PDB file of N, CA and C in Angstrom:
ATOM      1  N   UNK A   1     143.757 123.704 119.338  1.00  0.00           N
ATOM      2  CA  UNK A   1     142.693 124.185 120.548  1.00  0.00           C
ATOM      3  C   UNK A   1     142.252 126.065 120.397  1.00  0.00           C
ATOM      4  N   UNK A   2     140.886 126.129 120.386  1.00  0.00           N
ATOM      5  CA  UNK A   2     140.514 127.073 120.070  1.00  0.00           C
ATOM      6  C   UNK A   2     140.927 128.313 120.594  1.00  0.00           C
ATOM      7  N   UNK A   3     141.118 129.336 120.484  1.00  0.00           N
ATOM      8  CA  UNK A   3     141.724 130.751 121.623  1.00  0.00           C
ATOM      9  C   UNK A   3     140.783 131.822 121.416  1.00  0.00           C
ATOM     10  N   UNK A   4     140.655 131.838 122.771  1.00  0.00           N
ATOM     11  CA  UNK A   4     139.770 133.041 122.891  1.00  0.00           C
ATOM     12  C   UNK A   4     138.387 132.778 122.736  1.00  0.00           C
ATOM     13  N   UNK A   5     138.008 131.737 123.119  1.00  0.00           N
ATOM     14  CA  UNK A   5     135.972 131.693 122.720  1.00  0.00           C
ATOM     15  C   UNK A   5     135.107 132.285 123.957  1.00  0.00           C
ATOM     16  N   UNK A   6     134.148 132.890 123.787  1.00  0.00           N
ATOM     17  CA  UNK A   6     133.518 133.716 124.625  1.00  0.00           C
ATOM     18  C   UNK A   6     132.279 132.967 125.103  1.00  0.00           C
ATOM     19  N   UNK A   7     132.052 132.957 126.276  1.00  0.00           N
ATOM     20  CA  UNK A   7     131.389 131.331 127.103  1.00  0.00           C
ATOM     21  C   UNK A   7     130.048 131.614 126.446  1.00  0.00           C
ATOM     22  N   UNK A   8     129.873 133.440 126.601  1.00  0.00           N
ATOM     23  CA  UNK A   8     128.066 133.646 126.032  1.00  0.00           C
ATOM     24  C   UNK A   8     128.248 133.224 124.308  1.00  0.00           C
ATOM     25  N   UNK A   9     128.778 133.982 123.688  1.00  0.00           N
ATOM     26  CA  UNK A   9     129.004 133.233 122.241  1.00  0.00           C
ATOM     27  C   UNK A   9     128.868 131.847 121.555  1.00  0.00           C
ATOM     28  N   UNK A  10     129.251 130.898 122.914  1.00  0.00           N
ATOM     29  CA  UNK A  10     129.731 129.340 122.740  1.00  0.00           C
ATOM     30  C   UNK A  10     128.117 129.109 123.045  1.00  0.00           C
ATOM     31  N   UNK A  11     127.607 129.300 124.192  1.00  0.00           N
ATOM     32  CA  UNK A  11     126.570 128.823 124.366  1.00  0.00           C
ATOM     33  C   UNK A  11     124.993 129.200 123.168  1.00  0.00           C
ATOM     34  N   UNK A  12     124.910 130.290 122.804  1.00  0.00           N
ATOM     35  CA  UNK A  12     124.464 130.967 121.677  1.00  0.00           C
ATOM     36  C   UNK A  12     123.998 130.675 121.061  1.00  0.00           C
ATOM     37  N   UNK A  13     125.273 129.716 120.410  1.00  0.00           N
ATOM     38  CA  UNK A  13     125.354 129.234 118.941  1.00  0.00           C
ATOM     39  C   UNK A  13     124.765 127.264 119.168  1.00  0.00           C
ATOM     40  N   UNK A  14     125.343 127.180 120.396  1.00  0.00           N
ATOM     41  CA  UNK A  14     124.756 125.874 120.700  1.00  0.00           C
ATOM     42  C   UNK A  14     123.390 126.308 121.121  1.00  0.00           C
ATOM     43  N   UNK A  15     123.016 126.895 121.449  1.00  0.00           N
ATOM     44  CA  UNK A  15     120.911 126.598 121.648  1.00  0.00           C
ATOM     45  C   UNK A  15     120.338 127.131 120.127  1.00  0.00           C
ATOM     46  N   UNK A  16     120.899 127.901 119.224  1.00  0.00           N
ATOM     47  CA  UNK A  16     120.362 127.916 117.887  1.00  0.00           C
ATOM     48  C   UNK A  16     120.735 126.692 117.750  1.00  0.00           C
ATOM     49  N   UNK A  17     121.449 126.110 117.400  1.00  0.00           N
ATOM     50  CA  UNK A  17     121.373 124.807 116.542  1.00  0.00           C
ATOM     51  C   UNK A  17     120.558 123.867 117.126  1.00  0.00           C
ATOM     52  N   UNK A  18     120.372 123.422 118.890  1.00  0.00           N
ATOM     53  CA  UNK A  18     119.656 122.690 118.934  1.00  0.00           C
ATOM     54  C   UNK A  18     117.960 123.233 118.733  1.00  0.00           C
ATOM     55  N   UNK A  19     117.709 124.625 118.500  1.00  0.00           N
ATOM     56  CA  UNK A  19     116.558 125.322 118.052  1.00  0.00           C
ATOM     57  C   UNK A  19     116.282 124.556 117.000  1.00  0.00           C
ATOM     58  N   UNK A  20     117.039 124.784 115.778  1.00  0.00           N
ATOM     59  CA  UNK A  20     116.990 124.327 114.358  1.00  0.00           C
ATOM     60  C   UNK A  20     116.880 123.033 114.235  1.00  0.00           C
ATOM     61  N   UNK A  21     117.245 122.177 115.203  1.00  0.00           N
ATOM     62  CA  UNK A  21     117.286 120.908 114.949  1.00  0.00           C
ATOM     63  C   UNK A  21     115.999 120.176 115.804  1.00  0.00           C
ATOM     64  N   UNK A  22     115.303 120.736 116.937  1.00  0.00           N
ATOM     65  CA  UNK A  22     113.916 121.284 117.332  1.00  0.00           C
ATOM     66  C   UNK A  22     112.812 120.937 115.969  1.00  0.00           C
ATOM     67  N   UNK A  23     112.979 122.082 115.356  1.00  0.00           N
ATOM     68  CA  UNK A  23     112.421 122.595 114.440  1.00  0.00           C
ATOM     69  C   UNK A  23     112.131 120.973 112.779  1.00  0.00           C
ATOM     70  N   UNK A  24     113.339 121.091 113.021  1.00  0.00           N
ATOM     71  CA  UNK A  24     113.846 120.136 111.690  1.00  0.00           C
ATOM     72  C   UNK A  24     112.922 118.667 112.617  1.00  0.00           C
ATOM     73  N   UNK A  25     112.972 118.170 113.000  1.00  0.00           N
ATOM     74  CA  UNK A  25     112.496 116.552 114.052  1.00  0.00           C
ATOM     75  C   UNK A  25     111.720 117.227 113.887  1.00  0.00           C
ATOM     76  N   UNK A  26     110.523 118.075 114.244  1.00  0.00           N
ATOM     77  CA  UNK A  26     109.146 118.395 114.842  1.00  0.00           C
ATOM     78  C   UNK A  26     108.358 117.198 114.143  1.00  0.00           C
ATOM     79  N   UNK A  27     108.840 117.353 112.527  1.00  0.00           N
ATOM     80  CA  UNK A  27     108.296 116.559 111.596  1.00  0.00           C
ATOM     81  C   UNK A  27     107.708 114.860 111.835  1.00  0.00           C
ATOM     82  N   UNK A  28     108.721 114.585 112.488  1.00  0.00           N
ATOM     83  CA  UNK A  28     109.270 112.991 112.747  1.00  0.00           C
ATOM     84  C   UNK A  28     108.659 112.689 114.453  1.00  0.00           C
ATOM     85  N   UNK A  29     107.786 113.799 114.979  1.00  0.00           N
ATOM     86  CA  UNK A  29     107.360 114.179 116.662  1.00  0.00           C
ATOM     87  C   UNK A  29     106.399 112.179 116.450  1.00  0.00           C
ATOM     88  N   UNK A  30     105.358 112.480 115.190  1.00  0.00           N
ATOM     89  CA  UNK A  30     104.395 111.568 115.560  1.00  0.00           C
ATOM     90  C   UNK A  30     104.451 110.159 115.935  1.00  0.00           C
ATOM     91  N   UNK A  31     105.837 110.031 115.607  1.00  0.00           N
ATOM     92  CA  UNK A  31     106.657 108.685 115.823  1.00  0.00           C
ATOM     93  C   UNK A  31     107.357 108.579 117.151  1.00  0.00           C
ATOM     94  N   UNK A  32     107.489 109.495 117.691  1.00  0.00           N
ATOM     95  CA  UNK A  32     107.998 109.338 119.278  1.00  0.00           C
ATOM     96  C   UNK A  32     106.849 108.707 120.067  1.00  0.00           C
ATOM     97  N   UNK A  33     107.061 107.746 120.791  1.00  0.00           N
ATOM     98  CA  UNK A  33     105.972 107.533 122.050  1.00  0.00           C
ATOM     99  C   UNK A  33     106.497 106.983 123.214  1.00  0.00           C
ATOM    100  N   UNK A  34     105.258 107.149 124.044  1.00  0.00           N
ATOM    101  CA  UNK A  34     106.146 106.533 125.664  1.00  0.00           C
ATOM    102  C   UNK A  34     106.262 104.956 125.076  1.00  0.00           C
ATOM    103  N   UNK A  35     107.700 104.871 126.020  1.00  0.00           N
ATOM    104  CA  UNK A  35     107.815 103.023 125.642  1.00  0.00           C
ATOM    105  C   UNK A  35     107.176 102.142 127.017  1.00  0.00           C
ATOM    106  N   UNK A  36     106.141 102.750 127.517  1.00  0.00           N
ATOM    107  CA  UNK A  36     105.784 102.467 128.434  1.00  0.00           C
ATOM    108  C   UNK A  36     103.955 102.798 127.737  1.00  0.00           C
ATOM    109  N   UNK A  37     103.959 103.029 127.214  1.00  0.00           N
ATOM    110  CA  UNK A  37     102.598 102.763 126.072  1.00  0.00           C
ATOM    111  C   UNK A  37     102.088 101.470 125.828  1.00  0.00           C
ATOM    112  N   UNK A  38     101.764 100.551 126.152  1.00  0.00           N
ATOM    113  CA  UNK A  38     101.620  99.923 125.280  1.00  0.00           C
ATOM    114  C   UNK A  38     100.588  99.839 123.840  1.00  0.00           C
ATOM    115  N   UNK A  39      99.786 100.551 123.710  1.00  0.00           N
ATOM    116  CA  UNK A  39      99.328 101.065 122.510  1.00  0.00           C
ATOM    117  C   UNK A  39      99.507 101.630 122.014  1.00  0.00           C
ATOM    118  N   UNK A  40     100.803 102.468 122.094  1.00  0.00           N
ATOM    119  CA  UNK A  40     101.445 103.560 121.136  1.00  0.00           C
ATOM    120  C   UNK A  40     101.265 102.931 120.150  1.00  0.00           C
ATOM    121  N   UNK A  41     102.094 101.794 119.685  1.00  0.00           N
ATOM    122  CA  UNK A  41     102.705 101.190 118.387  1.00  0.00           C
ATOM    123  C   UNK A  41     100.936 100.972 117.272  1.00  0.00           C
ATOM    124  N   UNK A  42     100.466 100.659 118.148  1.00  0.00           N
ATOM    125  CA  UNK A  42      99.178  99.744 117.204  1.00  0.00           C
ATOM    126  C   UNK A  42      98.292 101.370 116.843  1.00  0.00           C
ATOM    127  N   UNK A  43      98.175 102.174 117.775  1.00  0.00           N
ATOM    128  CA  UNK A  43      97.632 103.223 117.416  1.00  0.00           C
ATOM    129  C   UNK A  43      97.822 103.953 116.621  1.00  0.00           C
ATOM    130  N   UNK A  44      99.584 104.212 116.351  1.00  0.00           N
ATOM    131  CA  UNK A  44     100.042 104.857 115.174  1.00  0.00           C
ATOM    132  C   UNK A  44     100.618 103.673 114.055  1.00  0.00           C
ATOM    133  N   UNK A  45     100.031 102.851 113.966  1.00  0.00           N
ATOM    134  CA  UNK A  45     100.011 101.662 113.001  1.00  0.00           C
ATOM    135  C   UNK A  45      98.397 101.731 111.913  1.00  0.00           C
ATOM    136  N   UNK A  46      97.352 102.279 113.148  1.00  0.00           N
ATOM    137  CA  UNK A  46      96.158 102.328 112.510  1.00  0.00           C
ATOM    138  C   UNK A  46      95.977 103.907 111.572  1.00  0.00           C
ATOM    139  N   UNK A  47      97.230 105.048 112.525  1.00  0.00           N
ATOM    140  CA  UNK A  47      96.875 106.210 112.176  1.00  0.00           C
ATOM    141  C   UNK A  47      97.099 106.261 110.705  1.00  0.00           C
ATOM    142  N   UNK A  48      99.010 105.378 110.540  1.00  0.00           N
ATOM    143  CA  UNK A  48      99.378 105.469 109.192  1.00  0.00           C
ATOM    144  C   UNK A  48      98.670 104.631 108.297  1.00  0.00           C
ATOM    145  N   UNK A  49      97.947 103.555 108.563  1.00  0.00           N
ATOM    146  CA  UNK A  49      97.574 102.998 107.485  1.00  0.00           C
ATOM    147  C   UNK A  49      95.890 103.706 106.758  1.00  0.00           C
ATOM    148  N   UNK A  50      95.246 104.633 108.058  1.00  0.00           N
ATOM    149  CA  UNK A  50      94.088 105.184 107.748  1.00  0.00           C
ATOM    150  C   UNK A  50      94.638 106.215 106.667  1.00  0.00           C
ATOM    151  N   UNK A  51      96.200 107.245 106.650  1.00  0.00           N
ATOM    152  CA  UNK A  51      96.809 107.689 106.087  1.00  0.00           C
ATOM    153  C   UNK A  51      97.093 107.022 104.659  1.00  0.00           C
ATOM    154  N   UNK A  52      96.998 105.795 104.470  1.00  0.00           N
ATOM    155  CA  UNK A  52      97.269 105.214 103.275  1.00  0.00           C
ATOM    156  C   UNK A  52      99.349 105.349 102.935  1.00  0.00           C
ATOM    157  N   UNK A  53      99.952 105.448 104.042  1.00  0.00           N
ATOM    158  CA  UNK A  53     101.145 105.613 104.855  1.00  0.00           C
ATOM    159  C   UNK A  53     102.260 104.120 103.813  1.00  0.00           C
ATOM    160  N   UNK A  54     102.974 104.556 103.428  1.00  0.00           N
ATOM    161  CA  UNK A  54     103.491 103.533 102.639  1.00  0.00           C
ATOM    162  C   UNK A  54     105.100 102.792 102.885  1.00  0.00           C
ATOM    163  N   UNK A  55     105.239 101.762 102.790  1.00  0.00           N
ATOM    164  CA  UNK A  55     106.688 101.162 103.192  1.00  0.00           C
ATOM    165  C   UNK A  55     107.629 102.160 102.146  1.00  0.00           C
ATOM    166  N   UNK A  56     107.270 102.882 101.105  1.00  0.00           N
ATOM    167  CA  UNK A  56     108.202 103.664 100.523  1.00  0.00           C
ATOM    168  C   UNK A  56     108.108 105.054 101.190  1.00  0.00           C
ATOM    169  N   UNK A  57     106.975 105.664 101.654  1.00  0.00           N
ATOM    170  CA  UNK A  57     107.191 106.372 102.759  1.00  0.00           C
ATOM    171  C   UNK A  57     107.779 106.376 104.054  1.00  0.00           C
ATOM    172  N   UNK A  58     107.812 105.284 104.546  1.00  0.00           N
ATOM    173  CA  UNK A  58     108.815 105.195 105.442  1.00  0.00           C
ATOM    174  C   UNK A  58     109.927 104.606 105.315  1.00  0.00           C
ATOM    175  N   UNK A  59     110.425 104.249 104.309  1.00  0.00           N
ATOM    176  CA  UNK A  59     111.783 104.258 103.829  1.00  0.00           C
ATOM    177  C   UNK A  59     112.453 105.589 103.550  1.00  0.00           C
ATOM    178  N   UNK A  60     111.754 106.718 103.079  1.00  0.00           N
ATOM    179  CA  UNK A  60     112.194 108.119 102.658  1.00  0.00           C
ATOM    180  C   UNK A  60     112.064 108.693 104.000  1.00  0.00           C
ATOM    181  N   UNK A  61     111.360 108.174 104.818  1.00  0.00           N
ATOM    182  CA  UNK A  61     111.221 109.203 106.362  1.00  0.00           C
ATOM    183  C   UNK A  61     112.556 108.862 107.161  1.00  0.00           C
ATOM    184  N   UNK A  62     112.474 107.786 106.919  1.00  0.00           N
ATOM    185  CA  UNK A  62     113.870 107.088 107.486  1.00  0.00           C
ATOM    186  C   UNK A  62     115.204 107.692 107.113  1.00  0.00           C
ATOM    187  N   UNK A  63     115.489 107.920 105.662  1.00  0.00           N
ATOM    188  CA  UNK A  63     116.501 108.381 105.246  1.00  0.00           C
ATOM    189  C   UNK A  63     116.613 109.755 105.729  1.00  0.00           C
ATOM    190  N   UNK A  64     115.675 110.313 105.536  1.00  0.00           N
ATOM    191  CA  UNK A  64     115.212 112.072 106.044  1.00  0.00           C
ATOM    192  C   UNK A  64     115.988 112.248 107.240  1.00  0.00           C
ATOM    193  N   UNK A  65     115.323 111.291 108.075  1.00  0.00           N
ATOM    194  CA  UNK A  65     115.329 111.191 109.640  1.00  0.00           C
ATOM    195  C   UNK A  65     117.307 111.287 110.259  1.00  0.00           C
ATOM    196  N   UNK A  66     117.612 110.100 109.503  1.00  0.00           N
ATOM    197  CA  UNK A  66     119.141 109.772 109.352  1.00  0.00           C
ATOM    198  C   UNK A  66     120.081 110.849 109.079  1.00  0.00           C
ATOM    199  N   UNK A  67     119.708 111.209 108.007  1.00  0.00           N
ATOM    200  CA  UNK A  67     120.477 112.944 107.627  1.00  0.00           C
ATOM    201  C   UNK A  67     120.777 113.761 108.088  1.00  0.00           C
ATOM    202  N   UNK A  68     119.268 114.097 109.316  1.00  0.00           N
ATOM    203  CA  UNK A  68     119.323 114.949 109.684  1.00  0.00           C
ATOM    204  C   UNK A  68     120.002 114.494 111.210  1.00  0.00           C
ATOM    205  N   UNK A  69     120.004 113.064 111.410  1.00  0.00           N
ATOM    206  CA  UNK A  69     121.057 112.984 112.965  1.00  0.00           C
ATOM    207  C   UNK A  69     122.090 113.499 112.197  1.00  0.00           C
ATOM    208  N   UNK A  70     122.537 113.270 111.071  1.00  0.00           N
ATOM    209  CA  UNK A  70     124.318 113.335 110.609  1.00  0.00           C
ATOM    210  C   UNK A  70     124.386 114.343 110.454  1.00  0.00           C
ATOM    211  N   UNK A  71     123.806 115.734 109.625  1.00  0.00           N
ATOM    212  CA  UNK A  71     123.592 117.342 109.866  1.00  0.00           C
ATOM    213  C   UNK A  71     124.036 117.774 110.979  1.00  0.00           C
ATOM    214  N   UNK A  72     123.101 117.097 111.893  1.00  0.00           N
ATOM    215  CA  UNK A  72     123.476 117.725 113.207  1.00  0.00           C
ATOM    216  C   UNK A  72     124.241 116.964 114.440  1.00  0.00           C
ATOM    217  N   UNK A  73     124.970 115.718 114.548  1.00  0.00           N
ATOM    218  CA  UNK A  73     125.633 115.701 115.524  1.00  0.00           C
ATOM    219  C   UNK A  73     126.725 114.656 114.393  1.00  0.00           C
ATOM    220  N   UNK A  74     126.376 114.582 113.526  1.00  0.00           N
ATOM    221  CA  UNK A  74     127.842 113.821 113.022  1.00  0.00           C
ATOM    222  C   UNK A  74     129.568 114.405 112.880  1.00  0.00           C
ATOM    223  N   UNK A  75     130.506 114.006 112.514  1.00  0.00           N
ATOM    224  CA  UNK A  75     131.784 114.243 113.454  1.00  0.00           C
ATOM    225  C   UNK A  75     132.169 115.408 112.497  1.00  0.00           C
ATOM    226  N   UNK A  76     131.686 116.162 111.315  1.00  0.00           N
ATOM    227  CA  UNK A  76     131.549 117.438 110.583  1.00  0.00           C
ATOM    228  C   UNK A  76     130.618 118.173 110.742  1.00  0.00           C
ATOM    229  N   UNK A  77     129.762 117.949 111.777  1.00  0.00           N
ATOM    230  CA  UNK A  77     128.641 119.367 111.719  1.00  0.00           C
ATOM    231  C   UNK A  77     128.951 119.905 112.891  1.00  0.00           C
ATOM    232  N   UNK A  78     127.603 121.431 113.047  1.00  0.00           N
ATOM    233  CA  UNK A  78     128.065 122.288 113.392  1.00  0.00           C
ATOM    234  C   UNK A  78     128.254 122.313 114.916  1.00  0.00           C
ATOM    235  N   UNK A  79     127.487 121.043 115.378  1.00  0.00           N
ATOM    236  CA  UNK A  79     127.844 121.061 116.819  1.00  0.00           C
ATOM    237  C   UNK A  79     129.059 120.236 117.628  1.00  0.00           C
ATOM    238  N   UNK A  80     129.513 119.500 116.317  1.00  0.00           N
ATOM    239  CA  UNK A  80     130.552 119.038 116.827  1.00  0.00           C
ATOM    240  C   UNK A  80     131.874 120.256 117.171  1.00  0.00           C
ATOM    241  N   UNK A  81     131.938 121.003 116.165  1.00  0.00           N
ATOM    242  CA  UNK A  81     132.978 121.965 115.948  1.00  0.00           C
ATOM    243  C   UNK A  81     132.352 123.000 117.042  1.00  0.00           C
ATOM    244  N   UNK A  82     130.958 122.927 117.210  1.00  0.00           N
ATOM    245  CA  UNK A  82     130.772 124.005 118.485  1.00  0.00           C
ATOM    246  C   UNK A  82     131.286 123.011 119.744  1.00  0.00           C
ATOM    247  N   UNK A  83     131.709 122.032 120.141  1.00  0.00           N
ATOM    248  CA  UNK A  83     131.319 120.993 121.327  1.00  0.00           C
ATOM    249  C   UNK A  83     133.055 120.834 121.410  1.00  0.00           C
ATOM    250  N   UNK A  84     134.013 121.654 120.090  1.00  0.00           N
ATOM    251  CA  UNK A  84     135.763 121.239 120.041  1.00  0.00           C
ATOM    252  C   UNK A  84     135.975 122.810 120.569  1.00  0.00           C
ATOM    253  N   UNK A  85     135.038 123.791 120.343  1.00  0.00           N
ATOM    254  CA  UNK A  85     135.311 125.340 121.075  1.00  0.00           C
ATOM    255  C   UNK A  85     135.441 125.102 122.488  1.00  0.00           C
ATOM    256  N   UNK A  86     134.833 124.462 123.292  1.00  0.00           N
ATOM    257  CA  UNK A  86     134.734 124.142 124.381  1.00  0.00           C
ATOM    258  C   UNK A  86     136.193 125.290 125.487  1.00  0.00           C
ATOM    259  N   UNK A  87     137.081 124.250 124.418  1.00  0.00           N
ATOM    260  CA  UNK A  87     138.493 123.999 124.725  1.00  0.00           C
ATOM    261  C   UNK A  87     138.953 125.088 124.923  1.00  0.00           C
ATOM    262  N   UNK A  88     138.577 126.660 124.011  1.00  0.00           N
ATOM    263  CA  UNK A  88     139.225 127.617 124.203  1.00  0.00           C
ATOM    264  C   UNK A  88     138.915 128.780 125.141  1.00  0.00           C
ATOM    265  N   UNK A  89     137.869 128.300 125.673  1.00  0.00           N
ATOM    266  CA  UNK A  89     137.384 129.455 126.736  1.00  0.00           C
ATOM    267  C   UNK A  89     138.211 129.166 127.949  1.00  0.00           C
ATOM    268  N   UNK A  90     138.440 130.605 128.349  1.00  0.00           N
ATOM    269  CA  UNK A  90     139.922 130.661 129.277  1.00  0.00           C
ATOM    270  C   UNK A  90     138.984 130.468 130.421  1.00  0.00           C
ATOM    271  N   UNK A  91     138.372 131.258 130.767  1.00  0.00           N
ATOM    272  CA  UNK A  91     137.889 130.814 132.405  1.00  0.00           C
ATOM    273  C   UNK A  91     137.440 129.446 132.801  1.00  0.00           C
ATOM    274  N   UNK A  92     137.975 129.177 133.651  1.00  0.00           N
ATOM    275  CA  UNK A  92     137.763 127.246 133.959  1.00  0.00           C
ATOM    276  C   UNK A  92     136.042 126.911 134.743  1.00  0.00           C
ATOM    277  N   UNK A  93     135.734 128.151 135.152  1.00  0.00           N
ATOM    278  CA  UNK A  93     134.649 127.619 135.854  1.00  0.00           C
ATOM    279  C   UNK A  93     133.852 128.328 134.613  1.00  0.00           C
ATOM    280  N   UNK A  94     133.854 129.041 133.381  1.00  0.00           N
ATOM    281  CA  UNK A  94     132.802 128.991 132.842  1.00  0.00           C
ATOM    282  C   UNK A  94     133.003 128.284 131.374  1.00  0.00           C
ATOM    283  N   UNK A  95     134.077 127.294 131.123  1.00  0.00           N
ATOM    284  CA  UNK A  95     134.058 126.522 130.566  1.00  0.00           C
ATOM    285  C   UNK A  95     133.601 125.040 130.647  1.00  0.00           C
ATOM    286  N   UNK A  96     133.855 125.026 132.275  1.00  0.00           N
ATOM    287  CA  UNK A  96     132.615 123.687 132.556  1.00  0.00           C
ATOM    288  C   UNK A  96     131.571 124.057 133.002  1.00  0.00           C
ATOM    289  N   UNK A  97     130.794 125.208 132.985  1.00  0.00           N
ATOM    290  CA  UNK A  97     129.704 125.448 132.668  1.00  0.00           C
ATOM    291  C   UNK A  97     129.254 125.434 131.091  1.00  0.00           C
ATOM    292  N   UNK A  98     129.858 125.491 130.078  1.00  0.00           N
ATOM    293  CA  UNK A  98     129.627 125.218 128.748  1.00  0.00           C
ATOM    294  C   UNK A  98     129.412 123.788 128.535  1.00  0.00           C
ATOM    295  N   UNK A  99     130.197 123.071 129.268  1.00  0.00           N
ATOM    296  CA  UNK A  99     130.785 121.827 128.799  1.00  0.00           C
ATOM    297  C   UNK A  99     129.035 121.031 129.507  1.00  0.00           C
ATOM    298  N   UNK A 100     128.747 121.516 130.814  1.00  0.00           N
ATOM    299  CA  UNK A 100     127.370 120.671 131.208  1.00  0.00           C
ATOM    300  C   UNK A 100     126.457 121.386 130.489  1.00  0.00           C
ATOM    301  N   UNK A 101     126.172 122.617 129.869  1.00  0.00           N
ATOM    302  CA  UNK A 101     125.413 123.369 129.110  1.00  0.00           C
ATOM    303  C   UNK A 101     125.322 122.169 127.670  1.00  0.00           C
ATOM    304  N   UNK A 102     126.536 121.939 126.901  1.00  0.00           N
ATOM    305  CA  UNK A 102     126.266 121.011 126.296  1.00  0.00           C
ATOM    306  C   UNK A 102     125.740 119.692 126.009  1.00  0.00           C
ATOM    307  N   UNK A 103     126.314 119.108 127.247  1.00  0.00           N
ATOM    308  CA  UNK A 103     125.876 117.927 127.521  1.00  0.00           C
ATOM    309  C   UNK A 103     124.517 117.678 127.726  1.00  0.00           C
ATOM    310  N   UNK A 104     123.641 118.677 128.440  1.00  0.00           N
ATOM    311  CA  UNK A 104     122.726 118.793 128.514  1.00  0.00           C
ATOM    312  C   UNK A 104     121.650 119.017 127.772  1.00  0.00           C
ATOM    313  N   UNK A 105     122.406 119.430 126.317  1.00  0.00           N
ATOM    314  CA  UNK A 105     121.687 118.901 125.118  1.00  0.00           C
ATOM    315  C   UNK A 105     121.661 118.585 124.719  1.00  0.00           C
ATOM    316  N   UNK A 106     123.123 117.815 124.137  1.00  0.00           N
ATOM    317  CA  UNK A 106     122.812 116.399 124.037  1.00  0.00           C
ATOM    318  C   UNK A 106     121.763 115.142 124.312  1.00  0.00           C
ATOM    319  N   UNK A 107     121.831 115.613 125.787  1.00  0.00           N
ATOM    320  CA  UNK A 107     120.843 114.253 126.700  1.00  0.00           C
ATOM    321  C   UNK A 107     119.236 114.407 126.420  1.00  0.00           C
ATOM    322  N   UNK A 108     118.902 115.956 125.845  1.00  0.00           N
ATOM    323  CA  UNK A 108     117.791 115.856 124.907  1.00  0.00           C
ATOM    324  C   UNK A 108     117.921 115.677 123.752  1.00  0.00           C
ATOM    325  N   UNK A 109     118.675 115.641 123.010  1.00  0.00           N
ATOM    326  CA  UNK A 109     118.904 114.794 121.708  1.00  0.00           C
ATOM    327  C   UNK A 109     118.450 113.814 121.673  1.00  0.00           C
ATOM    328  N   UNK A 110     119.469 112.652 122.101  1.00  0.00           N
ATOM    329  CA  UNK A 110     119.478 111.341 123.009  1.00  0.00           C
ATOM    330  C   UNK A 110     118.365 111.038 123.265  1.00  0.00           C
ATOM    331  N   UNK A 111     117.582 111.716 123.995  1.00  0.00           N
ATOM    332  CA  UNK A 111     115.959 111.036 124.364  1.00  0.00           C
ATOM    333  C   UNK A 111     115.028 111.315 123.329  1.00  0.00           C
ATOM    334  N   UNK A 112     115.039 112.407 122.535  1.00  0.00           N
ATOM    335  CA  UNK A 112     114.515 112.507 121.537  1.00  0.00           C
ATOM    336  C   UNK A 112     114.483 111.250 120.536  1.00  0.00           C
ATOM    337  N   UNK A 113     115.862 110.929 119.939  1.00  0.00           N
ATOM    338  CA  UNK A 113     116.426 110.276 119.134  1.00  0.00           C
ATOM    339  C   UNK A 113     115.868 108.594 119.553  1.00  0.00           C
ATOM    340  N   UNK A 114     116.066 108.556 120.689  1.00  0.00           N
ATOM    341  CA  UNK A 114     115.688 107.138 121.074  1.00  0.00           C
ATOM    342  C   UNK A 114     114.230 106.792 121.217  1.00  0.00           C
ATOM    343  N   UNK A 115     113.583 108.075 121.635  1.00  0.00           N
ATOM    344  CA  UNK A 115     111.943 107.327 121.581  1.00  0.00           C
ATOM    345  C   UNK A 115     111.618 107.452 120.221  1.00  0.00           C
ATOM    346  N   UNK A 116     112.146 107.623 118.961  1.00  0.00           N
ATOM    347  CA  UNK A 116     111.640 107.560 117.780  1.00  0.00           C
ATOM    348  C   UNK A 116     111.689 106.466 117.142  1.00  0.00           C
ATOM    349  N   UNK A 117     112.278 105.748 118.152  1.00  0.00           N
ATOM    350  CA  UNK A 117     112.987 104.595 117.228  1.00  0.00           C
ATOM    351  C   UNK A 117     112.184 103.258 117.737  1.00  0.00           C
TER     352      UNK A 117
END
């Protein structure tokens, strides 16, 4: 278990990882739609067809999105390493706060990932 982890450093690191993920995910945002909008898929399909978007383009972007997922939330990712550091925070209250903060960030990422399908 990590020793002497500072709460503030861990939060700063987690926020930096989250912001980097957001910057890289931005190019996939057009595929994120409101699941309650019945016209989203048809609008997106028309937009992609008008741009000449091909099956090859879709396969490439799907691979890139999967690579992004692995890089940010995979077993050997910086995010996973940051989560493991929570146990090294000595103050139990700050350890709890850190855990809650990282869970919140994960929920936000999960929301983006689920909306991209």
